[in-house]
Amino acid sequence: MKRAIIYLLCYLCMGLCHLSSKTKHVCAIEEPSYGVVRSESEFEIRLYNESSWMSASVRGSSFNLSIAIGFRRLYQYIQGANLNSSHIAFTAPILTSIASSSTSSSSGNVEYTVRFYMSPKYKGNPPESNPELKLHLDKWNSHCVAVRKFSGFARDDNIDKEIKALVSSINTHFPPGDSAVIQDKGSYAIAQYNGSHKLSGRLNEAWVTISGSSVVGCPTPK
């Protein structure tokens, strides 16, 4: 278990993102591309282009520990544990999806999916992982995401608060009866950009997928 945490820390310590004076993050590593279609003081809505993510599913009772366990498998994959024996460049963010109804569960049976963004150079077909890693490739169509930024470290004791604040902001700006729709009310995601060595000016984000005709520039639900 300690080794799993060390893998994650080694990766995060290599993160090259930081916040500028205007609170925009600047990265020397590749990220999924997007455009901002709406910006509010508490959140923004982004239209992401098509993207591919190598994903590791983990069941557990701890957000932080599950990320460490999942990323250990992803780290092995990008270091050559794939059918091409290819080394894959680091990307950002580390994106972890969580079943929102179970963030406070103590049952030890929460489903986390830890994701690593795959560069578009692979055209949606990156090297296959070694079977023992039990990874899978998620391919996402262009879609909109409501994003709330928060500082400090993303932890078990604060992620639920951040997602609830994001959902509250969405409901305030798109009241009941409006056509804005949170597409999957059963899950959300936490994006992490900074190395563990960075103690101030950290950037994390809570993500919720959103659509609707009232959100100009976003696809409508089918």
Protein backbone atom coordinates (compact mmCIF):
# COMPACT_ATOMS: atom_id res chain seq x y z
CA MET A 1 0.00 0.00 0.00
CA LYS A 2 2.85 2.40 0.82
CA ARG A 3 4.37 1.67 -2.58
CA ALA A 4 1.10 2.68 -4.27
CA ILE A 5 1.23 6.04 -2.52
CA ILE A 6 4.88 6.50 -3.51
CA TYR A 7 3.99 5.94 -7.20
CA LEU A 8 1.39 8.68 -7.00
CA LEU A 9 3.68 11.09 -5.18
CA CYS A 10 6.46 10.49 -7.71
CA TYR A 11 4.09 11.38 -10.51
CA LEU A 12 2.62 14.41 -8.81
CA CYS A 13 6.06 15.74 -7.94
CA MET A 14 6.75 15.87 -11.67
CA GLY A 15 3.68 18.05 -12.31
CA LEU A 16 4.64 21.23 -14.12
CA CYS A 17 1.42 23.21 -13.69
CA HIS A 18 1.20 26.35 -11.65
CA LEU A 19 -1.11 29.30 -11.13
CA SER A 20 -0.28 32.63 -12.69
CA SER A 21 -1.09 35.96 -11.07
CA LYS A 22 -4.42 35.90 -12.93
CA THR A 23 -5.28 32.46 -11.46
CA LYS A 24 -5.00 30.73 -14.81
CA HIS A 25 -2.96 27.55 -14.77
CA VAL A 26 -0.04 27.23 -17.13
CA CYS A 27 1.27 23.81 -18.09
CA ALA A 28 4.35 22.45 -19.79
CA ILE A 29 2.58 19.11 -20.25
CA GLU A 30 -0.36 18.22 -22.46
CA GLU A 31 -3.97 18.70 -21.36
CA PRO A 32 -7.32 18.03 -23.05
CA SER A 33 -8.35 20.99 -25.19
CA TYR A 34 -11.46 23.04 -24.48
CA GLY A 35 -13.11 26.42 -24.88
CA VAL A 36 -14.92 28.38 -22.17
CA VAL A 37 -18.57 28.91 -23.18
CA ARG A 38 -19.74 30.60 -19.97
CA SER A 39 -17.92 32.12 -17.01
CA GLU A 40 -19.38 32.99 -13.60
CA SER A 41 -17.63 34.07 -10.41
CA GLU A 42 -18.10 30.65 -8.79
CA PHE A 43 -17.68 28.35 -11.80
CA GLU A 44 -17.23 28.15 -15.56
CA ILE A 45 -18.62 25.93 -18.28
CA ARG A 46 -16.15 24.43 -20.73
CA LEU A 47 -16.74 22.68 -24.03
CA TYR A 48 -14.18 19.89 -24.25
CA ASN A 49 -13.18 18.36 -27.55
CA GLU A 50 -13.18 14.59 -28.09
CA SER A 51 -10.69 12.88 -25.79
CA SER A 52 -9.40 9.48 -24.71
CA TRP A 53 -8.48 8.43 -21.17
CA MET A 54 -6.75 5.32 -19.91
CA SER A 55 -8.69 4.35 -16.81
CA ALA A 56 -8.27 2.24 -13.69
CA SER A 57 -11.30 1.24 -11.63
CA VAL A 58 -10.79 0.94 -7.87
CA ARG A 59 -13.19 0.05 -5.07
CA GLY A 60 -12.43 1.51 -1.66
CA SER A 61 -13.48 3.80 1.15
CA SER A 62 -10.79 6.48 0.70
CA PHE A 63 -10.50 8.97 -2.16
CA ASN A 64 -6.78 9.57 -1.60
CA LEU A 65 -5.83 5.93 -1.19
CA SER A 66 -7.92 4.84 -4.18
CA ILE A 67 -6.17 7.42 -6.38
CA ALA A 68 -2.80 6.07 -5.24
CA ILE A 69 -3.81 2.48 -5.99
CA GLY A 70 -5.32 3.34 -9.38
CA PHE A 71 -2.45 5.53 -10.43
CA ARG A 72 0.06 2.85 -9.56
CA ARG A 73 -1.42 0.76 -12.39
CA LEU A 74 -1.53 3.74 -14.74
CA TYR A 75 2.05 4.64 -13.88
CA GLN A 76 3.19 1.12 -14.79
CA TYR A 77 1.31 1.45 -18.09
CA ILE A 78 2.97 4.73 -19.11
CA GLN A 79 6.37 3.39 -18.04
CA GLY A 80 6.14 0.56 -20.57
CA ALA A 81 3.73 -2.06 -19.21
CA ASN A 82 1.83 -2.09 -22.49
CA LEU A 83 1.83 -4.36 -25.53
CA ASN A 84 4.19 -2.00 -27.40
CA SER A 85 6.53 -1.55 -24.42
CA SER A 86 6.12 2.18 -25.10
CA HIS A 87 6.94 4.96 -22.67
CA ILE A 88 4.15 7.53 -22.68
CA ALA A 89 4.60 11.22 -21.86
CA PHE A 90 3.01 12.65 -18.73
CA THR A 91 -0.23 14.60 -19.15
CA ALA A 92 -2.59 16.51 -16.86
CA PRO A 93 -4.87 16.41 -15.02
CA ILE A 94 -5.24 13.22 -13.05
CA LEU A 95 -9.02 12.91 -13.19
CA THR A 96 -10.89 10.77 -10.67
CA SER A 97 -14.59 10.02 -11.11
CA ILE A 98 -16.62 9.16 -8.01
CA ALA A 99 -20.18 8.01 -7.38
CA SER A 100 -21.56 11.13 -5.69
CA SER A 101 -24.10 9.22 -3.59
CA SER A 102 -21.30 7.32 -1.89
CA THR A 103 -18.65 9.93 -1.14
CA SER A 104 -19.45 9.76 2.56
CA SER A 105 -19.88 5.99 2.61
CA SER A 106 -17.94 3.93 5.14
CA SER A 107 -18.86 0.62 3.51
CA GLY A 108 -15.55 0.38 1.67
CA ASN A 109 -17.37 -0.26 -1.59
CA VAL A 110 -17.17 3.13 -3.33
CA GLU A 111 -16.37 2.99 -7.06
CA TYR A 112 -13.55 5.30 -8.14
CA THR A 113 -12.19 5.60 -11.68
CA VAL A 114 -8.73 7.13 -11.94
CA ARG A 115 -8.00 8.47 -15.42
CA PHE A 116 -4.89 9.46 -17.37
CA TYR A 117 -5.40 11.70 -20.43
CA MET A 118 -4.06 10.22 -23.66
CA SER A 119 -2.46 12.56 -26.18
CA PRO A 120 -4.41 13.11 -29.44
CA LYS A 121 -1.34 11.87 -31.30
CA TYR A 122 -2.61 8.34 -30.60
CA LYS A 123 -5.83 9.17 -32.50
CA GLY A 124 -7.93 7.34 -29.94
CA ASN A 125 -5.89 4.15 -30.22
CA PRO A 126 -3.05 4.22 -27.69
CA PRO A 127 -0.98 1.12 -26.90
CA GLU A 128 -2.99 -1.59 -25.17
CA SER A 129 -2.14 -2.12 -21.53
CA ASN A 130 -0.79 -5.39 -20.20
CA PRO A 131 -3.80 -7.50 -19.14
CA GLU A 132 -2.74 -7.82 -15.50
CA LEU A 133 -3.11 -4.04 -15.01
CA LYS A 134 -6.87 -4.28 -15.68
CA LEU A 135 -7.06 -0.90 -17.40
CA HIS A 136 -9.63 0.20 -19.94
CA LEU A 137 -9.81 3.00 -22.49
CA ASP A 138 -12.61 5.57 -22.22
CA LYS A 139 -13.38 7.58 -25.36
CA TRP A 140 -15.42 10.73 -24.78
CA ASN A 141 -17.29 12.74 -27.37
CA SER A 142 -17.24 16.52 -27.28
CA HIS A 143 -19.19 17.60 -24.19
CA CYS A 144 -19.61 20.42 -21.68
CA VAL A 145 -18.34 20.37 -18.12
CA ALA A 146 -19.19 22.76 -15.29
CA VAL A 147 -15.99 23.39 -13.34
CA ARG A 148 -15.38 24.80 -9.86
CA LYS A 149 -11.77 25.56 -8.94
CA PHE A 150 -10.50 25.11 -5.41
CA SER A 151 -7.13 25.41 -3.73
CA GLY A 152 -5.24 23.32 -1.21
CA PHE A 153 -5.12 19.54 -1.36
CA ALA A 154 -8.08 17.50 -2.64
CA ARG A 155 -8.95 15.19 0.25
CA ASP A 156 -11.63 12.86 1.51
CA ASP A 157 -12.87 15.57 3.88
CA ASN A 158 -13.34 18.38 1.34
CA ILE A 159 -14.26 16.98 -2.08
CA ASP A 160 -17.93 16.43 -1.22
CA LYS A 161 -18.23 20.05 -0.06
CA GLU A 162 -16.75 21.33 -3.33
CA ILE A 163 -19.08 19.33 -5.56
CA LYS A 164 -22.12 20.39 -3.51
CA ALA A 165 -21.05 24.03 -3.91
CA LEU A 166 -20.73 23.52 -7.67
CA VAL A 167 -24.17 21.92 -7.98
CA SER A 168 -25.65 24.73 -5.86
CA SER A 169 -24.11 27.34 -8.18
CA ILE A 170 -25.49 25.55 -11.25
CA ASN A 171 -28.97 25.45 -9.70
CA THR A 172 -28.73 29.17 -8.88
CA HIS A 173 -27.82 30.20 -12.42
CA PHE A 174 -30.07 27.60 -14.07
CA PRO A 175 -33.14 27.36 -11.80
CA PRO A 176 -35.72 24.52 -11.92
CA GLY A 177 -37.58 24.54 -15.20
CA ASP A 178 -34.55 25.84 -17.09
CA SER A 179 -33.16 23.60 -19.79
CA ALA A 180 -29.70 23.19 -18.31
CA VAL A 181 -29.21 19.56 -17.35
CA ILE A 182 -26.63 17.83 -15.18
CA GLN A 183 -26.23 14.75 -17.35
CA ASP A 184 -25.16 12.25 -14.69
CA LYS A 185 -26.41 13.14 -11.22
CA GLY A 186 -24.90 9.93 -9.85
CA SER A 187 -21.25 10.86 -10.34
CA TYR A 188 -18.76 13.69 -10.57
CA ALA A 189 -15.00 14.07 -11.00
CA ILE A 190 -12.06 15.72 -9.27
CA ALA A 191 -9.17 17.00 -11.42
CA GLN A 192 -5.75 17.46 -9.81
CA TYR A 193 -2.96 19.49 -11.44
CA ASN A 194 -0.16 20.05 -8.90
CA GLY A 195 2.70 18.07 -7.45
CA SER A 196 2.54 17.18 -3.77
CA HIS A 197 5.59 19.37 -3.15
CA LYS A 198 3.60 22.50 -4.05
CA LEU A 199 2.11 23.73 -0.79
CA SER A 200 0.59 27.04 -1.91
CA GLY A 201 -1.20 28.21 -5.04
CA ARG A 202 -2.51 24.73 -5.71
CA LEU A 203 -5.21 24.05 -8.32
CA ASN A 204 -7.90 21.39 -8.15
CA GLU A 205 -11.26 21.31 -9.92
CA ALA A 206 -14.64 19.72 -9.33
CA TRP A 207 -16.27 18.62 -12.61
CA VAL A 208 -19.91 17.94 -13.47
CA THR A 209 -21.03 17.13 -17.02
CA ILE A 210 -23.75 19.54 -18.16
CA SER A 211 -25.84 20.11 -21.28
CA GLY A 212 -28.99 21.90 -22.38
CA SER A 213 -30.23 24.43 -24.89
CA SER A 214 -29.92 27.26 -22.35
CA VAL A 215 -26.16 26.69 -22.14
CA VAL A 216 -25.10 28.35 -25.36
CA GLY A 217 -22.40 26.37 -27.12
CA CYS A 218 -23.14 23.05 -25.40
CA PRO A 219 -24.78 19.99 -26.93
CA THR A 220 -28.39 19.28 -25.97
CA PRO A 221 -29.42 15.96 -24.39
CA LYS A 222 -30.55 13.27 -26.82
